[in-house]
């Protein structure tokens, strides 16, 4: 009996001890969570809340808590993303380790949040950003009828009221010119270009003026709300104070404003402007509405009414009535067609110019300068012309285009880790030597990062000089080469050069030469043989009097005409090659179809290129793949995109003989055409591979009895 009683007491004591231990463990867990649990909740709240990105050392809300990011030394890499952060740069919340988040204690005062907005912190937050404009909201309530007109049924879905609307809708409501759609407004929010000042601005007691204090603002996100009395601020990031590459010390050319310039993306090849030698051409020009843009032409509308008959002749009676056009009210695209039918032959061309922000409208006639008596064009009195805007008699339409400033914009990535030699370069286009294994530009699926020729071009090319018209923001490839192919690649620096070079490719005026190594000895039948003179008549780059015999492949690819002219240059012994030979061939494509040279040699000549994983057929050819594809674009001949324009020919003729000699690769043909000829030696891998294969074959022959 006693033993039973003792056992019961012992069991109860054990139960109590276990309970006490569990309670102690729970207490320690609660204490630990009270100290560290906010980090987990912070990370969860940061991931779920609309506050997706925050600068370090600046407080931010997450639910009912206030957090900030501690000082970070060096980059903090994300476990889920490939992005990284540097000091004073934006970063994603997933890139912050939990140990870097600390909670700011609640002080029990209304200034709990504001106490931690120190001036230095917000200087860091806004470094590189400049406030462009302020947008004030109504003091009492928003115009619900206009909101419904802007967003329609989404007004109920977004829970919009007269006293509570979303940031994108507020931007559309208050600045419909800058933000004509919610997608444009949302993009501005995602680009950190919008800030919200809660409540009205403070009044300076000294001056009596309203004062905008960035430290009282917060970044506006897509899901944030705007209330009556708030102030929206639009600010622009200039991405640092330094420029890359540095401005080159040069003599700055000028432009003649009397010559009208063509449309940026559809201009004719001769639409280049005169350049004279004055110190600063941009000072003589009228700045446009966008940074780096300048007014290049103006078009005045009739003082009384438009020519209705001419308008109907351009667009037809049906569209005239559908668009509600009158003699005193027409759309911007129709006005462009009416005033300049050569540059804007269609409404699609005119609409494209509007979407590119190339058209501005000056409402009413220009003012007269009292001193000179001349008309003065004031861009500050203009507005950007949208496709749906209207033009009235007396308005002035202006065209603006990007001008060369002697520098490229600062890049947000480092120089790619590969060499990109420049073979030829001037202010209008360049020719670079693309290495094998590098793509020209990234595909839509991505995956290449900065390992593209396009990403490396601003680091190796000089920007166009100041005063060069219609420059591209960054140099762009005109055509492409396959990833495993090396050789010459044409790069445009200006939009007219891009158009001119593209037209040359379309008209098959660019004469390219490739050198390749094929597996085996290709047949050269007499039936397909042509002389150099015949090849020259096909507009391929050959000497008509060299006496060589060429082979012609005229075999359609993908139901399109495809023509290749080729000849054998050298034969090399190889153990693993067909017939124990590799052949060095010279190829001159007349057309430019997809994989044309590789397919013609593999499918028609039945001798695939060495290292061609796609068309070599496998088998013993796989032993020849270790050095990659042996195909190089080693020569190109083309017409210069500027010096063959009407103005360019005059400028080239006025150059001194010494200046022409300095332009290596540029020469003038007997017919007056200015031609650029560039060539490079074959990559070293060609010679080393052929030498190795020959050596291995000879070694094996010496070992045979």
Foldseek 3Di string as FASTA:
>chain_A
DVVVVVVVVVVVVVVVVVVVVVVVVVVVVVVVCVQQVVLVVVLVQCVPDLVFKDAAQQWDDRPPFIKGFHDDDDWQQAPVDRDIDDHLDIDTSRSDDSVRMDTQDAPPDPCRNVVSLDPVVVCSNQPQKDWDDKFAFAQAFADVVVLCVQPPPCCVVLVPDRFKDFQLSVCCRGPCQQRVHSVSRQVCLVVQFKKKQPAAFDADPVPRDGDDDCSRIDRGHRSDMDGHRMMMIGMDGLPDDDFPPDFDDDFFWAFDLVQAAAFQQDGDLQRFTFIHGDRARVVVFAAAPDPQKTWRDKFAFAQAFADPVVLCVLPNPVVCVVLVDDRFKDFQLSVCCRRPCPRNVDSVSRQVQLVVQFKKKQPAAFDADPVPRDGDDDNVNIGRGHRGDMDGHRMMMTTMAGWFARGARHDPDDADPDDWAWFADDQWKTKIKFAAQAWQDADPVGDCPCSHVQNNQSNHHTHHGTHGTAFDNGKHWLDTDDRREIEITMIGGGSSQSVLVNVCQVVLQKAWKKKFKWFDDFDADPVFKDALLVVVVLNHPDDRPPGDIWGWDFDDDPPHTWIKIKDWDDWFAFDLGVVRIMTIMMMITSHDDDCRVQCCCCPPRVIGTQLPPPRRPDDSSVVRNPVHTGMYGFKIKHFRSHCPHPSNVVVVVPDDPVVVVVNPQWDADPVGTIMGITGDDGDPCVVVVRVVRRVVVVVVVVPDD
